[in-house]
Protein backbone atom coordinates (compact mmCIF):
# COMPACT_ATOMS: atom_id res chain seq x y z
CA MET A 1 -29.36 57.01 53.45
CA LYS A 2 -27.73 60.20 52.21
CA ASP A 3 -28.22 60.97 48.53
CA THR A 4 -24.79 60.98 46.91
CA SER A 5 -26.05 61.28 43.34
CA GLN A 6 -24.83 64.88 43.14
CA ASN A 7 -21.36 64.07 44.54
CA ARG A 8 -19.71 63.65 41.19
CA ILE A 9 -18.39 65.69 38.31
CA LYS A 10 -20.70 65.67 35.32
CA LEU A 11 -19.59 65.69 31.69
CA SER A 12 -22.04 68.52 31.03
CA GLN A 13 -20.26 70.64 33.66
CA LEU A 14 -16.89 70.06 31.99
CA LYS A 15 -18.33 71.02 28.61
CA ILE A 16 -19.62 74.23 30.14
CA VAL A 17 -16.25 74.97 31.77
CA ALA A 18 -14.53 74.55 28.40
CA ALA A 19 -17.07 76.76 26.63
CA VAL A 20 -16.89 79.55 29.24
CA ALA A 21 -13.09 79.45 29.20
CA GLU A 22 -13.09 79.77 25.41
CA ARG A 23 -15.67 82.57 25.23
CA GLN A 24 -14.75 84.25 28.54
CA ASN A 25 -18.42 85.06 28.85
CA PHE A 26 -21.30 83.10 30.43
CA GLY A 27 -23.87 84.42 27.93
CA GLU A 28 -21.82 83.57 24.83
CA ALA A 29 -21.05 80.13 26.24
CA ALA A 30 -24.77 79.56 26.82
CA LEU A 31 -25.50 80.56 23.21
CA GLU A 32 -22.84 78.19 21.90
CA LEU A 33 -24.17 75.29 23.97
CA GLY A 34 -27.83 76.03 23.24
CA ILE A 35 -28.80 76.39 26.91
CA SER A 36 -29.81 79.28 29.16
CA GLN A 37 -27.27 81.55 30.85
CA SER A 38 -28.73 80.62 34.24
CA ALA A 39 -28.02 76.94 33.47
CA VAL A 40 -24.40 77.82 32.72
CA SER A 41 -24.09 79.81 35.96
CA HIS A 42 -25.68 77.00 38.00
CA ALA A 43 -23.41 74.35 36.49
CA ILE A 44 -20.25 76.36 37.20
CA ALA A 45 -21.38 77.24 40.73
CA SER A 46 -22.25 73.59 41.48
CA LEU A 47 -18.90 72.37 40.21
CA GLU A 48 -17.03 75.03 42.19
CA ASP A 49 -18.97 74.06 45.29
CA TYR A 50 -18.18 70.38 44.78
CA LEU A 51 -14.46 71.03 44.14
CA GLY A 52 -14.16 73.65 46.85
CA VAL A 53 -12.31 76.07 44.56
CA VAL A 54 -13.25 79.05 42.37
CA LEU A 55 -12.75 78.36 38.66
CA PHE A 56 -13.71 81.76 37.24
CA THR A 57 -13.61 85.35 38.39
CA ARG A 58 -16.76 87.17 37.32
CA GLY A 59 -16.74 90.83 36.37
CA ARG A 60 -18.18 93.48 34.08
CA HIS A 61 -16.02 92.27 31.22
CA GLY A 62 -16.88 88.58 31.45
CA ALA A 63 -15.42 85.50 33.09
CA THR A 64 -11.69 84.84 33.53
CA LEU A 65 -10.07 81.62 34.67
CA THR A 66 -8.49 81.70 38.11
CA PRO A 67 -5.00 80.14 38.46
CA VAL A 68 -6.51 76.87 39.68
CA GLY A 69 -9.14 77.07 36.95
CA ALA A 70 -6.38 77.38 34.34
CA LYS A 71 -4.77 74.20 35.72
CA ILE A 72 -8.06 72.29 35.67
CA LEU A 73 -9.12 73.42 32.17
CA PRO A 74 -6.78 71.09 30.16
CA HIS A 75 -8.12 68.10 32.09
CA ALA A 76 -11.72 69.17 31.41
CA GLN A 77 -10.95 69.63 27.71
CA ALA A 78 -9.33 66.20 27.54
CA VAL A 79 -12.39 64.54 29.06
CA VAL A 80 -14.73 66.38 26.67
CA HIS A 81 -12.58 65.41 23.69
CA SER A 82 -12.49 61.78 24.80
CA SER A 83 -16.26 61.75 25.23
CA LEU A 84 -16.71 62.92 21.65
CA SER A 85 -14.40 60.15 20.45
CA ILE A 86 -16.47 57.63 22.41
CA LEU A 87 -19.67 58.91 20.80
CA GLN A 88 -18.13 58.78 17.34
CA GLU A 89 -16.99 55.20 17.82
CA ALA A 90 -20.39 54.20 19.19
CA ALA A 91 -22.14 55.91 16.27
CA ALA A 92 -19.97 54.02 13.80
CA ALA A 93 -20.74 50.75 15.57
CA LYS A 94 -24.46 51.49 15.35
CA GLY A 95 -24.27 51.66 11.59
CA LEU A 96 -23.46 55.30 10.91
CA LYS A 97 -22.10 54.36 7.53
CA SER A 98 -25.15 55.48 5.62
CA GLY A 99 -28.01 57.91 5.90
CA LYS A 100 -29.31 61.15 4.46
CA VAL A 101 -29.04 64.66 5.90
CA ARG A 102 -31.06 67.59 4.54
CA VAL A 103 -29.45 70.98 5.06
CA ALA A 104 -31.18 74.34 4.61
CA THR A 105 -28.94 77.39 4.31
CA PHE A 106 -28.23 80.54 2.32
CA ARG A 107 -25.95 80.92 -0.70
CA SER A 108 -22.78 82.24 0.93
CA ILE A 109 -22.67 79.42 3.47
CA ALA A 110 -23.52 76.76 0.87
CA THR A 111 -20.67 78.11 -1.27
CA HIS A 112 -17.92 78.86 1.22
CA VAL A 113 -18.52 76.84 4.42
CA LEU A 114 -20.46 73.63 3.80
CA PRO A 115 -18.14 72.07 1.17
CA GLU A 116 -15.28 71.66 3.66
CA GLY A 117 -17.61 70.25 6.32
CA ILE A 118 -19.16 67.78 3.88
CA LYS A 119 -15.71 66.75 2.69
CA GLN A 120 -14.63 66.01 6.26
CA LEU A 121 -17.84 64.06 6.92
CA HIS A 122 -17.42 61.97 3.77
CA GLN A 123 -13.86 61.09 4.74
CA ARG A 124 -15.30 59.37 7.83
CA PHE A 125 -18.68 58.24 6.49
CA PRO A 126 -18.54 58.16 2.66
CA ASN A 127 -22.04 56.72 2.23
CA ILE A 128 -23.93 59.51 3.99
CA THR A 129 -25.89 61.56 1.45
CA ILE A 130 -26.19 65.33 1.86
CA ASN A 131 -29.06 67.31 0.34
CA ILE A 132 -28.65 71.12 0.35
CA THR A 133 -31.37 73.67 -0.33
CA GLU A 134 -30.65 77.41 -0.55
CA HIS A 135 -32.96 80.00 0.96
CA ASP A 136 -33.08 83.79 0.89
CA ASN A 137 -33.08 84.43 4.64
CA ASP A 138 -33.01 82.94 8.13
CA HIS A 139 -36.79 82.92 8.42
CA GLU A 140 -37.07 80.57 5.44
CA VAL A 141 -34.35 78.31 6.85
CA GLU A 142 -36.09 78.07 10.22
CA GLN A 143 -39.41 77.43 8.49
CA ALA A 144 -37.81 74.53 6.62
CA LEU A 145 -36.65 73.08 9.95
CA ARG A 146 -40.06 73.46 11.61
CA ALA A 147 -41.89 72.02 8.60
CA GLY A 148 -39.65 68.96 8.52
CA ARG A 149 -38.17 69.81 5.13
CA ALA A 150 -34.67 70.07 6.61
CA ASP A 151 -32.79 68.28 9.38
CA ILE A 152 -30.12 70.96 9.85
CA GLY A 153 -30.24 74.68 9.23
CA ILE A 154 -27.37 77.15 8.94
CA ILE A 155 -28.65 80.45 10.34
CA THR A 156 -27.64 83.81 11.71
CA LEU A 157 -27.64 83.76 15.51
CA PRO A 158 -29.46 84.07 17.81
CA ALA A 159 -31.92 81.31 16.94
CA SER A 160 -35.65 81.50 17.55
CA LYS A 161 -37.45 79.65 20.34
CA GLY A 162 -37.56 75.90 19.88
CA ILE A 163 -34.35 75.80 17.86
CA THR A 164 -30.97 74.85 19.32
CA ALA A 165 -27.94 76.32 17.58
CA TRP A 166 -24.16 76.38 17.98
CA GLU A 167 -21.89 79.08 16.62
CA ILE A 168 -19.59 77.86 13.85
CA LEU A 169 -18.39 81.09 12.24
CA ARG A 170 -18.05 84.84 12.69
CA ASP A 171 -18.46 86.62 9.36
CA GLU A 172 -17.32 90.26 9.34
CA PHE A 173 -19.37 92.97 7.65
CA VAL A 174 -16.99 94.76 5.29
CA VAL A 175 -17.17 97.99 3.29
CA LEU A 176 -16.55 97.63 -0.45
CA LEU A 177 -15.58 100.78 -2.36
CA PRO A 178 -15.03 101.40 -6.10
CA PRO A 179 -11.49 101.17 -7.50
CA ASP A 180 -11.04 104.94 -7.91
CA THR A 181 -12.24 105.90 -4.42
CA LYS A 182 -9.49 107.55 -2.37
CA PRO A 183 -10.14 107.57 1.39
CA GLU A 184 -8.00 109.96 3.42
CA GLY A 185 -6.18 107.29 5.41
CA ALA A 186 -5.41 103.59 5.56
CA ALA A 187 -8.50 103.01 7.74
CA LEU A 188 -11.97 104.23 6.82
CA ASN A 189 -13.62 106.64 9.28
CA TRP A 190 -17.33 107.23 9.91
CA ASP A 191 -17.43 110.68 8.27
CA GLU A 192 -15.95 109.31 5.05
CA LEU A 193 -18.31 106.33 5.06
CA ALA A 194 -21.36 108.57 5.64
CA LYS A 195 -20.47 110.59 2.52
CA GLN A 196 -20.05 107.57 0.24
CA PRO A 197 -22.92 106.84 -2.19
CA LEU A 198 -23.90 103.28 -1.28
CA LEU A 199 -25.69 100.42 -3.05
CA MET A 200 -27.32 98.48 -0.24
CA PRO A 201 -29.69 95.54 0.24
CA PRO A 202 -33.23 96.69 1.17
CA THR A 203 -33.55 97.97 4.74
CA ASP A 204 -36.05 95.21 5.60
CA TYR A 205 -33.47 92.47 4.91
CA VAL A 206 -32.92 90.65 8.21
CA MET A 207 -29.26 90.13 7.34
CA MET A 208 -28.65 93.89 7.22
CA ARG A 209 -30.68 94.93 10.25
CA PRO A 210 -27.69 94.66 12.63
CA VAL A 211 -25.68 96.94 10.32
CA TYR A 212 -28.22 99.76 10.37
CA GLU A 213 -28.72 99.38 14.13
CA HIS A 214 -24.94 99.37 14.65
CA ILE A 215 -24.32 102.49 12.57
CA ASN A 216 -27.41 104.43 13.60
CA GLY A 217 -26.67 103.64 17.24
CA LEU A 218 -23.33 105.41 16.84
CA GLY A 219 -25.09 108.52 15.50
CA TYR A 220 -24.37 108.12 11.78
CA ARG A 221 -26.61 107.68 8.74
CA LEU A 222 -25.72 105.97 5.47
CA ASN A 223 -26.06 107.66 2.10
CA VAL A 224 -28.02 104.93 0.30
CA VAL A 225 -28.57 105.87 -3.35
CA ASN A 226 -29.90 102.52 -4.61
CA GLU A 227 -31.26 99.32 -3.11
CA ILE A 228 -30.03 96.10 -4.75
CA GLU A 229 -31.39 92.70 -3.72
CA THR A 230 -28.64 90.51 -5.20
CA ASP A 231 -25.23 90.31 -3.55
CA ALA A 232 -23.37 89.41 -6.73
CA ALA A 233 -24.98 92.25 -8.68
CA THR A 234 -24.11 94.70 -5.91
CA VAL A 235 -20.44 93.69 -5.92
CA SER A 236 -20.34 93.94 -9.71
CA LEU A 237 -21.80 97.46 -9.62
CA VAL A 238 -19.22 98.49 -7.02
CA ALA A 239 -16.47 97.18 -9.30
CA GLN A 240 -17.93 99.35 -12.11
CA GLY A 241 -17.58 102.42 -9.90
CA LEU A 242 -21.30 103.08 -9.34
CA GLY A 243 -21.03 103.22 -5.55
CA GLY A 244 -19.90 101.34 -2.47
CA THR A 245 -21.67 98.83 -0.27
CA ILE A 246 -21.58 97.03 3.09
CA LEU A 247 -21.97 93.25 3.05
CA PRO A 248 -20.92 90.21 5.07
CA ARG A 249 -17.56 89.09 3.77
CA LEU A 250 -18.80 85.65 2.69
CA ALA A 251 -21.85 87.12 0.94
CA ALA A 252 -19.57 89.43 -1.04
CA GLU A 253 -17.17 86.73 -2.21
CA PRO A 254 -15.68 86.46 -4.76
CA ILE A 255 -14.57 90.10 -4.50
CA PRO A 256 -12.83 91.51 -7.61
CA LYS A 257 -9.22 92.52 -6.95
CA THR A 258 -9.93 96.09 -8.07
CA VAL A 259 -12.56 96.60 -5.36
CA GLN A 260 -11.26 98.21 -2.16
CA VAL A 261 -12.13 96.36 1.05
CA TYR A 262 -12.27 97.99 4.50
CA SER A 263 -13.46 97.04 7.95
CA LEU A 264 -16.17 99.22 9.47
CA PRO A 265 -14.64 101.93 11.71
CA VAL A 266 -16.13 99.95 14.60
CA PRO A 267 -16.05 96.32 13.37
CA LEU A 268 -19.20 94.19 13.30
CA ASP A 269 -19.66 90.44 12.77
CA ARG A 270 -22.67 88.30 12.00
CA LEU A 271 -22.66 85.06 13.97
CA ILE A 272 -23.38 81.95 11.92
CA GLY A 273 -24.63 78.81 13.63
CA VAL A 274 -25.64 75.24 12.85
CA ALA A 275 -29.17 74.57 14.11
CA ILE A 276 -31.59 71.74 14.76
CA LEU A 277 -35.05 71.58 16.28
CA THR A 278 -34.66 71.36 20.06
CA GLU A 279 -37.25 68.63 20.61
CA ALA A 280 -36.64 66.61 17.44
CA LEU A 281 -35.16 63.12 17.66
CA GLN A 282 -32.49 63.14 14.97
CA PRO A 283 -30.83 60.13 13.33
CA PRO A 284 -27.08 59.58 13.93
CA ALA A 285 -26.11 60.99 10.51
CA VAL A 286 -27.55 64.40 11.46
CA TYR A 287 -25.53 64.58 14.68
CA ALA A 288 -22.43 63.47 12.78
CA LEU A 289 -22.70 66.47 10.44
CA VAL A 290 -23.49 68.83 13.33
CA GLU A 291 -20.36 67.73 15.19
CA THR A 292 -18.28 67.97 12.01
CA LEU A 293 -19.40 71.56 11.42
CA ARG A 294 -18.83 72.47 15.07
CA SER A 295 -15.30 71.06 15.02
CA GLN A 296 -14.71 72.82 11.71
CA SER A 297 -15.62 76.14 13.38
CA ILE A 298 -12.19 76.36 15.05
CA LYS A 299 -10.48 76.09 11.68
CA ALA A 300 -12.99 78.51 10.16
CA SER A 301 -12.30 81.07 12.89
CA VAL A 302 -8.60 80.90 12.11
CA THR A 303 -9.34 81.38 8.42
CA GLN A 304 -11.58 84.35 9.14
CA ALA A 305 -8.87 85.87 11.32
CA SER A 306 -6.39 85.64 8.47
CA ILE A 307 -8.93 87.17 6.07
CA THR A 308 -9.60 90.05 8.45
CA SER A 309 -5.89 90.77 8.90
CA SER A 310 -5.51 91.07 5.12
CA ILE A 311 -8.21 93.75 4.81
CA THR A 312 -6.73 97.13 3.96
C-alpha cells in the first residue's frame, strides 16, 4: 500500500510560510522559529511540491511571495492563528490558571518590555506568578537557563546552542550627544561622529561588540575618552555635557529632553528574543508567557518604529 502520510499540508509548513512572508528571508524566518535554515527551505519546497505551485521567488535579496503565494498567505495565517487559539483554550482547560514562571533578563527589558507582557498574561491568567531576576549580560541569562534558575530568558540574538529563541523586539543603537553639540546637518555623519569625545561601555561588553564591529567594518574609529559601565550614569554624564555615547535605545531610557538623539549614519539594531532551553519540558505557564511575549512583539515593533521616526 502506498504511503500517503506525506500527502497533506502540515501546520508547521504554514507557520514557516507565514514567517518567511513576514521576514522575506529564509534565514531570519529560521531564527524566529528556532529551527535551521535548511529545515525552512525543505518545508517550503515540500509544500510547493505538494501544491504544485511556487510560493516564493528566491533571490539575492531574500524571498518574495509570488502572486499565488500572496493569495495563499491569508489562509495560512488564519490556520496558524486558529491553531494558537486552540492551544490557548486547551491550556486553560488543563488548569493553566496558576503556576510560576521565572524570567531572567537585563534591566532595560525588565523595565520597558516585560511589564506590558506580564500585564497581558495576567489579564488572561491572573493567578500565574512571575519572578524576574536582572543580569548584567546575555551570558549570565543563558547560564541561569542552563542551571535551571530560570524558565525563560530574554537575550540578544542569536542564541547559543541548545537554546531556542524567538525575536520579540528590534532595539536601535542611538547616538546621544550633549545639549550644546551642534552637528552640521539634521543627520549625523561618520566624520562628525568620529570626532566626538565619547563615553562608552567597556569594549569587552557583549552588548557593544556589534557596534564596534559595525563601525570599524565601515572604516571608522570612535574617539572614546572614558569607559563607563553603567548606562544611567553614562546618560547623565552626556546630559552634563561631558561627552556623547552610543547605546541601545531601551538601555538609554529615560533620556533627558536636553540630550540630542541621532540614528547612526548607517542604522544598527540589536535583536531581542525570548528564549527557553531547547530540550526542556516546560509547564503550560511558561509557554503561555512565551506566546504572550511573541504576540506582543508585533505591537512592540510598531512602537519602536514610531520611536525611530521621532529621532532627530
